[in-house]
Amino acid sequence: MAQNNGAREARKAYVRKRQSIVFSIVGVVLVVALVFATLVFFHVGGLGETAQSKESANYGRTAPCVSPAADGSTPKYVDNRSVTVRVLNGTQFSGFAQAVAEALENREFVVQGVDNYDSAKVERTLIIFGKNAIPQAYTLASNFNDAQMVMDDRADKLVDVVLGATFKDLVPTEDLPKTGSDIPNIEGCKAPDKMTSLPKAPDHTPVG
């Protein structure tokens, strides 16, 4: 009888030991999976970024290329103080445009005004500009992670930024390109004079 009790206790101890090992392994696997999921979520080291998202920098819209300067040199990012911006709220969040306008002013952009866009359901932020403000538009766009660049038929140099629902914050100043550095063209861009059937510009105060 004592032998049976001893064997039963030994089996119980063996089972408990096996369960402890299994639970430990499962716990380690779950921790590793959680860490990996966190890395993917925050795109650490490029994890979770698809080739398509990198290639489609303008998210399916055709943007104008930056035209070479008269001397054939590569166009440069301009000084923020030479860019006049109008900030339009394309979301339902009250005060959103004013907050972004103040942040852009802190970066020395010239803010012409703040208003609501004609839609409160804009998904992705839009940078809207004319053919004579392409370097200015690229300079402003460098401050946004997710903005689409859209050229319309305006002839002046005002650049509109329409805030969309995916906007969270401006690019940190330390990550911005330097004034006077080369502007890289967006992949898939077209020469400005090849872009036809441009959308009509909304009413605005022209900027020379």
C-alpha atoms as a PDB file:
ATOM      1  CA  MET A   1       0.000   0.000   0.000  1.00  0.00           C
ATOM      2  CA  ALA A   2       2.827   2.318   0.894  1.00  0.00           C
ATOM      3  CA  GLN A   3       4.453   1.499  -2.433  1.00  0.00           C
ATOM      4  CA  ASN A   4       1.252   2.420  -4.306  1.00  0.00           C
ATOM      5  CA  ASN A   5       1.015   5.715  -2.432  1.00  0.00           C
ATOM      6  CA  GLY A   6       4.646   6.429  -3.191  1.00  0.00           C
ATOM      7  CA  ALA A   7       4.173   5.682  -6.881  1.00  0.00           C
ATOM      8  CA  ARG A   8       1.040   7.835  -6.998  1.00  0.00           C
ATOM      9  CA  GLU A   9       2.869  10.757  -5.407  1.00  0.00           C
ATOM     10  CA  ALA A  10       5.783  10.282  -7.797  1.00  0.00           C
ATOM     11  CA  ARG A  11       3.425  10.390 -10.770  1.00  0.00           C
ATOM     12  CA  LYS A  12       1.770  13.530  -9.403  1.00  0.00           C
ATOM     13  CA  ALA A  13       5.149  15.160  -8.915  1.00  0.00           C
ATOM     14  CA  TYR A  14       6.144  14.171 -12.469  1.00  0.00           C
ATOM     15  CA  VAL A  15       2.906  15.587 -13.916  1.00  0.00           C
ATOM     16  CA  ARG A  16       3.329  18.834 -11.975  1.00  0.00           C
ATOM     17  CA  LYS A  17       6.890  19.147 -13.216  1.00  0.00           C
ATOM     18  CA  ARG A  18       5.808  18.568 -16.831  1.00  0.00           C
ATOM     19  CA  GLN A  19       2.990  21.122 -16.457  1.00  0.00           C
ATOM     20  CA  SER A  20       5.416  23.641 -15.014  1.00  0.00           C
ATOM     21  CA  ILE A  21       7.765  23.153 -17.979  1.00  0.00           C
ATOM     22  CA  VAL A  22       4.906  23.467 -20.493  1.00  0.00           C
ATOM     23  CA  PHE A  23       3.547  26.623 -18.834  1.00  0.00           C
ATOM     24  CA  SER A  24       7.030  28.149 -18.774  1.00  0.00           C
ATOM     25  CA  ILE A  25       7.511  27.473 -22.496  1.00  0.00           C
ATOM     26  CA  VAL A  26       4.074  28.871 -23.336  1.00  0.00           C
ATOM     27  CA  GLY A  27       4.815  31.977 -21.272  1.00  0.00           C
ATOM     28  CA  VAL A  28       8.112  32.585 -23.052  1.00  0.00           C
ATOM     29  CA  VAL A  29       6.449  32.125 -26.473  1.00  0.00           C
ATOM     30  CA  LEU A  30       3.708  34.613 -25.556  1.00  0.00           C
ATOM     31  CA  VAL A  31       6.242  37.191 -24.364  1.00  0.00           C
ATOM     32  CA  VAL A  32       8.280  36.825 -27.569  1.00  0.00           C
ATOM     33  CA  ALA A  33       5.115  37.132 -29.676  1.00  0.00           C
ATOM     34  CA  LEU A  34       4.068  40.267 -27.765  1.00  0.00           C
ATOM     35  CA  VAL A  35       7.483  41.890 -28.226  1.00  0.00           C
ATOM     36  CA  PHE A  36       7.503  41.072 -31.963  1.00  0.00           C
ATOM     37  CA  ALA A  37       3.956  42.404 -32.405  1.00  0.00           C
ATOM     38  CA  THR A  38       4.978  45.652 -30.683  1.00  0.00           C
ATOM     39  CA  LEU A  39       7.996  46.027 -32.985  1.00  0.00           C
ATOM     40  CA  VAL A  40       5.799  45.459 -36.044  1.00  0.00           C
ATOM     41  CA  PHE A  41       3.127  47.882 -34.826  1.00  0.00           C
ATOM     42  CA  PHE A  42       5.647  50.691 -34.390  1.00  0.00           C
ATOM     43  CA  HIS A  43       7.614  49.724 -37.552  1.00  0.00           C
ATOM     44  CA  VAL A  44      10.850  49.394 -35.600  1.00  0.00           C
ATOM     45  CA  GLY A  45      13.646  48.630 -38.033  1.00  0.00           C
ATOM     46  CA  GLY A  46      11.182  48.764 -40.922  1.00  0.00           C
ATOM     47  CA  LEU A  47       9.115  45.836 -39.648  1.00  0.00           C
ATOM     48  CA  GLY A  48       5.564  45.891 -40.919  1.00  0.00           C
ATOM     49  CA  GLU A  49       6.268  48.381 -43.698  1.00  0.00           C
ATOM     50  CA  THR A  50       5.325  46.985 -47.079  1.00  0.00           C
ATOM     51  CA  ALA A  51       7.126  47.713 -50.314  1.00  0.00           C
ATOM     52  CA  GLN A  52       3.906  49.165 -51.639  1.00  0.00           C
ATOM     53  CA  SER A  53       3.634  51.744 -48.844  1.00  0.00           C
ATOM     54  CA  LYS A  54       7.202  52.888 -49.508  1.00  0.00           C
ATOM     55  CA  GLU A  55       6.724  53.047 -53.258  1.00  0.00           C
ATOM     56  CA  SER A  56       3.340  54.793 -53.134  1.00  0.00           C
ATOM     57  CA  ALA A  57       4.619  57.908 -51.413  1.00  0.00           C
ATOM     58  CA  ASN A  58       1.708  60.002 -52.676  1.00  0.00           C
ATOM     59  CA  TYR A  59      -0.893  57.283 -51.988  1.00  0.00           C
ATOM     60  CA  GLY A  60      -2.147  56.824 -55.528  1.00  0.00           C
ATOM     61  CA  ARG A  61      -2.263  60.495 -56.539  1.00  0.00           C
ATOM     62  CA  THR A  62      -0.016  61.903 -59.240  1.00  0.00           C
ATOM     63  CA  ALA A  63       2.183  64.687 -57.943  1.00  0.00           C
ATOM     64  CA  PRO A  64       4.201  67.131 -60.040  1.00  0.00           C
ATOM     65  CA  CYS A  65       7.947  66.666 -60.179  1.00  0.00           C
ATOM     66  CA  VAL A  66      10.112  69.497 -58.931  1.00  0.00           C
ATOM     67  CA  SER A  67      11.243  71.331 -62.060  1.00  0.00           C
ATOM     68  CA  PRO A  68      14.989  71.980 -62.391  1.00  0.00           C
ATOM     69  CA  ALA A  69      16.124  75.545 -61.798  1.00  0.00           C
ATOM     70  CA  ALA A  70      16.931  77.816 -64.741  1.00  0.00           C
ATOM     71  CA  ASP A  71      20.619  76.911 -64.477  1.00  0.00           C
ATOM     72  CA  GLY A  72      19.790  73.199 -64.473  1.00  0.00           C
ATOM     73  CA  SER A  73      20.575  72.716 -60.786  1.00  0.00           C
ATOM     74  CA  THR A  74      18.459  70.539 -58.514  1.00  0.00           C
ATOM     75  CA  PRO A  75      15.670  72.483 -56.754  1.00  0.00           C
ATOM     76  CA  LYS A  76      16.171  73.065 -53.041  1.00  0.00           C
ATOM     77  CA  TYR A  77      13.947  73.179 -49.994  1.00  0.00           C
ATOM     78  CA  VAL A  78      13.058  76.819 -49.410  1.00  0.00           C
ATOM     79  CA  ASP A  79      13.074  78.807 -46.201  1.00  0.00           C
ATOM     80  CA  ASN A  80       9.838  78.291 -44.238  1.00  0.00           C
ATOM     81  CA  ARG A  81       9.429  82.068 -44.031  1.00  0.00           C
ATOM     82  CA  SER A  82       8.892  82.161 -47.794  1.00  0.00           C
ATOM     83  CA  VAL A  83       5.951  79.728 -47.660  1.00  0.00           C
ATOM     84  CA  THR A  84       2.457  81.139 -47.102  1.00  0.00           C
ATOM     85  CA  VAL A  85       0.002  78.545 -45.815  1.00  0.00           C
ATOM     86  CA  ARG A  86      -3.722  78.391 -45.233  1.00  0.00           C
ATOM     87  CA  VAL A  87      -4.759  75.685 -42.765  1.00  0.00           C
ATOM     88  CA  LEU A  88      -8.152  74.036 -43.360  1.00  0.00           C
ATOM     89  CA  ASN A  89      -9.852  71.562 -41.058  1.00  0.00           C
ATOM     90  CA  GLY A  90     -11.145  68.530 -42.926  1.00  0.00           C
ATOM     91  CA  THR A  91     -12.230  66.710 -39.761  1.00  0.00           C
ATOM     92  CA  GLN A  92     -14.936  67.000 -37.118  1.00  0.00           C
ATOM     93  CA  PHE A  93     -12.445  67.981 -34.405  1.00  0.00           C
ATOM     94  CA  SER A  94     -13.010  71.568 -33.350  1.00  0.00           C
ATOM     95  CA  GLY A  95      -9.885  73.682 -32.948  1.00  0.00           C
ATOM     96  CA  PHE A  96      -7.746  71.180 -34.883  1.00  0.00           C
ATOM     97  CA  ALA A  97      -6.706  73.604 -37.633  1.00  0.00           C
ATOM     98  CA  GLN A  98      -5.895  76.399 -35.178  1.00  0.00           C
ATOM     99  CA  ALA A  99      -3.558  74.145 -33.207  1.00  0.00           C
ATOM    100  CA  VAL A 100      -1.704  73.038 -36.356  1.00  0.00           C
ATOM    101  CA  ALA A 101      -1.552  76.619 -37.630  1.00  0.00           C
ATOM    102  CA  GLU A 102       0.136  77.700 -34.400  1.00  0.00           C
ATOM    103  CA  ALA A 103       2.610  74.814 -34.680  1.00  0.00           C
ATOM    104  CA  LEU A 104       3.456  75.840 -38.262  1.00  0.00           C
ATOM    105  CA  GLU A 105       3.871  79.459 -37.186  1.00  0.00           C
ATOM    106  CA  ASN A 106       6.319  78.269 -34.543  1.00  0.00           C
ATOM    107  CA  ARG A 107       8.290  76.784 -37.447  1.00  0.00           C
ATOM    108  CA  GLU A 108       8.185  80.223 -39.137  1.00  0.00           C
ATOM    109  CA  PHE A 109       5.721  79.393 -41.902  1.00  0.00           C
ATOM    110  CA  VAL A 110       3.529  82.361 -42.816  1.00  0.00           C
ATOM    111  CA  VAL A 111      -0.061  81.388 -41.961  1.00  0.00           C
ATOM    112  CA  GLN A 112      -2.578  83.347 -44.021  1.00  0.00           C
ATOM    113  CA  GLY A 113      -5.602  82.025 -42.168  1.00  0.00           C
ATOM    114  CA  VAL A 114      -7.490  79.131 -40.602  1.00  0.00           C
ATOM    115  CA  ASP A 115     -10.848  77.812 -41.774  1.00  0.00           C
ATOM    116  CA  ASN A 116     -12.991  74.720 -42.233  1.00  0.00           C
ATOM    117  CA  TYR A 117     -12.708  72.701 -45.434  1.00  0.00           C
ATOM    118  CA  ASP A 118     -15.859  72.004 -47.450  1.00  0.00           C
ATOM    119  CA  SER A 119     -15.855  68.435 -46.099  1.00  0.00           C
ATOM    120  CA  ALA A 120     -15.401  67.184 -42.539  1.00  0.00           C
ATOM    121  CA  LYS A 121     -14.620  63.640 -43.688  1.00  0.00           C
ATOM    122  CA  VAL A 122     -11.162  64.006 -45.197  1.00  0.00           C
ATOM    123  CA  GLU A 123      -9.216  60.812 -44.489  1.00  0.00           C
ATOM    124  CA  ARG A 124      -5.657  61.795 -45.374  1.00  0.00           C
ATOM    125  CA  THR A 125      -4.109  65.251 -45.117  1.00  0.00           C
ATOM    126  CA  LEU A 126      -3.841  67.145 -48.423  1.00  0.00           C
ATOM    127  CA  ILE A 127      -1.212  69.664 -49.496  1.00  0.00           C
ATOM    128  CA  ILE A 128      -2.854  71.672 -52.303  1.00  0.00           C
ATOM    129  CA  PHE A 129      -0.901  74.125 -54.443  1.00  0.00           C
ATOM    130  CA  GLY A 130      -0.378  75.516 -57.923  1.00  0.00           C
ATOM    131  CA  LYS A 131       2.360  75.128 -60.533  1.00  0.00           C
ATOM    132  CA  ASN A 132       4.203  78.224 -59.261  1.00  0.00           C
ATOM    133  CA  ALA A 133       4.588  76.967 -55.686  1.00  0.00           C
ATOM    134  CA  ILE A 134       5.964  73.459 -56.141  1.00  0.00           C
ATOM    135  CA  PRO A 135       9.169  73.904 -54.047  1.00  0.00           C
ATOM    136  CA  GLN A 136       7.069  75.633 -51.374  1.00  0.00           C
ATOM    137  CA  ALA A 137       4.595  72.723 -51.362  1.00  0.00           C
ATOM    138  CA  TYR A 138       7.380  70.142 -51.082  1.00  0.00           C
ATOM    139  CA  THR A 139       8.891  72.138 -48.224  1.00  0.00           C
ATOM    140  CA  LEU A 140       5.578  72.204 -46.346  1.00  0.00           C
ATOM    141  CA  ALA A 141       4.879  68.532 -47.126  1.00  0.00           C
ATOM    142  CA  SER A 142       8.171  67.499 -45.503  1.00  0.00           C
ATOM    143  CA  ASN A 143       6.575  68.458 -42.159  1.00  0.00           C
ATOM    144  CA  PHE A 144       3.828  65.821 -42.571  1.00  0.00           C
ATOM    145  CA  ASN A 145       4.166  62.043 -42.474  1.00  0.00           C
ATOM    146  CA  ASP A 146       1.025  61.123 -44.368  1.00  0.00           C
ATOM    147  CA  ALA A 147       0.075  64.029 -46.620  1.00  0.00           C
ATOM    148  CA  GLN A 148      -0.943  63.715 -50.260  1.00  0.00           C
ATOM    149  CA  MET A 149       0.266  66.399 -52.643  1.00  0.00           C
ATOM    150  CA  VAL A 150      -2.387  67.749 -55.009  1.00  0.00           C
ATOM    151  CA  MET A 151      -1.804  70.367 -57.700  1.00  0.00           C
ATOM    152  CA  ASP A 152      -4.763  72.483 -58.810  1.00  0.00           C
ATOM    153  CA  ASP A 153      -5.097  75.307 -61.334  1.00  0.00           C
ATOM    154  CA  ARG A 154      -4.167  78.239 -59.062  1.00  0.00           C
ATOM    155  CA  ALA A 155      -1.451  80.509 -60.436  1.00  0.00           C
ATOM    156  CA  ASP A 156      -0.342  82.129 -57.168  1.00  0.00           C
ATOM    157  CA  LYS A 157       1.894  80.770 -54.411  1.00  0.00           C
ATOM    158  CA  LEU A 158      -0.564  80.087 -51.595  1.00  0.00           C
ATOM    159  CA  VAL A 159      -0.294  76.508 -50.295  1.00  0.00           C
ATOM    160  CA  ASP A 160      -3.335  74.970 -48.609  1.00  0.00           C
ATOM    161  CA  VAL A 161      -3.039  72.190 -46.060  1.00  0.00           C
ATOM    162  CA  VAL A 162      -6.275  70.282 -45.460  1.00  0.00           C
ATOM    163  CA  LEU A 163      -6.033  68.260 -42.256  1.00  0.00           C
ATOM    164  CA  GLY A 164      -7.344  64.708 -42.462  1.00  0.00           C
ATOM    165  CA  ALA A 165      -8.379  62.131 -39.882  1.00  0.00           C
ATOM    166  CA  THR A 166      -5.066  60.209 -40.061  1.00  0.00           C
ATOM    167  CA  PHE A 167      -2.999  63.242 -39.050  1.00  0.00           C
ATOM    168  CA  LYS A 168      -1.456  62.895 -35.588  1.00  0.00           C
ATOM    169  CA  ASP A 169       1.476  65.275 -35.342  1.00  0.00           C
ATOM    170  CA  LEU A 170       4.071  67.140 -37.374  1.00  0.00           C
ATOM    171  CA  VAL A 171       7.399  65.521 -38.198  1.00  0.00           C
ATOM    172  CA  PRO A 172       9.918  66.336 -35.431  1.00  0.00           C
ATOM    173  CA  THR A 173      12.076  69.309 -36.401  1.00  0.00           C
ATOM    174  CA  GLU A 174      15.261  67.270 -36.023  1.00  0.00           C
ATOM    175  CA  ASP A 175      14.044  64.918 -38.774  1.00  0.00           C
ATOM    176  CA  LEU A 176      13.254  67.635 -41.323  1.00  0.00           C
ATOM    177  CA  PRO A 177      15.415  68.263 -44.409  1.00  0.00           C
ATOM    178  CA  LYS A 178      17.604  71.336 -44.130  1.00  0.00           C
ATOM    179  CA  THR A 179      16.784  74.542 -45.986  1.00  0.00           C
ATOM    180  CA  GLY A 180      18.809  74.577 -49.191  1.00  0.00           C
ATOM    181  CA  SER A 181      19.154  70.783 -49.420  1.00  0.00           C
ATOM    182  CA  ASP A 182      18.071  68.969 -52.586  1.00  0.00           C
ATOM    183  CA  ILE A 183      14.381  68.124 -52.976  1.00  0.00           C
ATOM    184  CA  PRO A 184      13.866  64.513 -54.086  1.00  0.00           C
ATOM    185  CA  ASN A 185      11.026  63.926 -56.506  1.00  0.00           C
ATOM    186  CA  ILE A 186       8.103  61.788 -55.385  1.00  0.00           C
ATOM    187  CA  GLU A 187       8.183  58.440 -57.141  1.00  0.00           C
ATOM    188  CA  GLY A 188       5.788  58.371 -60.088  1.00  0.00           C
ATOM    189  CA  CYS A 189       5.635  62.167 -60.400  1.00  0.00           C
ATOM    190  CA  LYS A 190       4.936  63.906 -63.711  1.00  0.00           C
ATOM    191  CA  ALA A 191       6.361  67.064 -65.227  1.00  0.00           C
ATOM    192  CA  PRO A 192       4.069  69.949 -64.222  1.00  0.00           C
ATOM    193  CA  ASP A 193       3.396  70.922 -67.843  1.00  0.00           C
ATOM    194  CA  LYS A 194       2.252  67.367 -68.546  1.00  0.00           C
ATOM    195  CA  MET A 195      -0.421  67.462 -65.860  1.00  0.00           C
ATOM    196  CA  THR A 196      -3.736  68.416 -67.432  1.00  0.00           C
ATOM    197  CA  SER A 197      -7.362  68.563 -66.270  1.00  0.00           C
ATOM    198  CA  LEU A 198      -6.285  70.051 -62.957  1.00  0.00           C
ATOM    199  CA  PRO A 199      -8.980  70.603 -60.320  1.00  0.00           C
ATOM    200  CA  LYS A 200     -10.245  74.137 -59.915  1.00  0.00           C
ATOM    201  CA  ALA A 201      -8.715  76.023 -57.007  1.00  0.00           C
ATOM    202  CA  PRO A 202     -11.113  77.086 -54.230  1.00  0.00           C
ATOM    203  CA  ASP A 203     -11.628  80.779 -53.511  1.00  0.00           C
ATOM    204  CA  HIS A 204      -8.638  82.277 -51.734  1.00  0.00           C
ATOM    205  CA  THR A 205      -6.586  85.431 -51.369  1.00  0.00           C
ATOM    206  CA  PRO A 206      -3.745  85.125 -53.906  1.00  0.00           C
ATOM    207  CA  VAL A 207      -0.150  85.206 -52.727  1.00  0.00           C
ATOM    208  CA  GLY A 208       2.542  86.635 -54.984  1.00  0.00           C
END
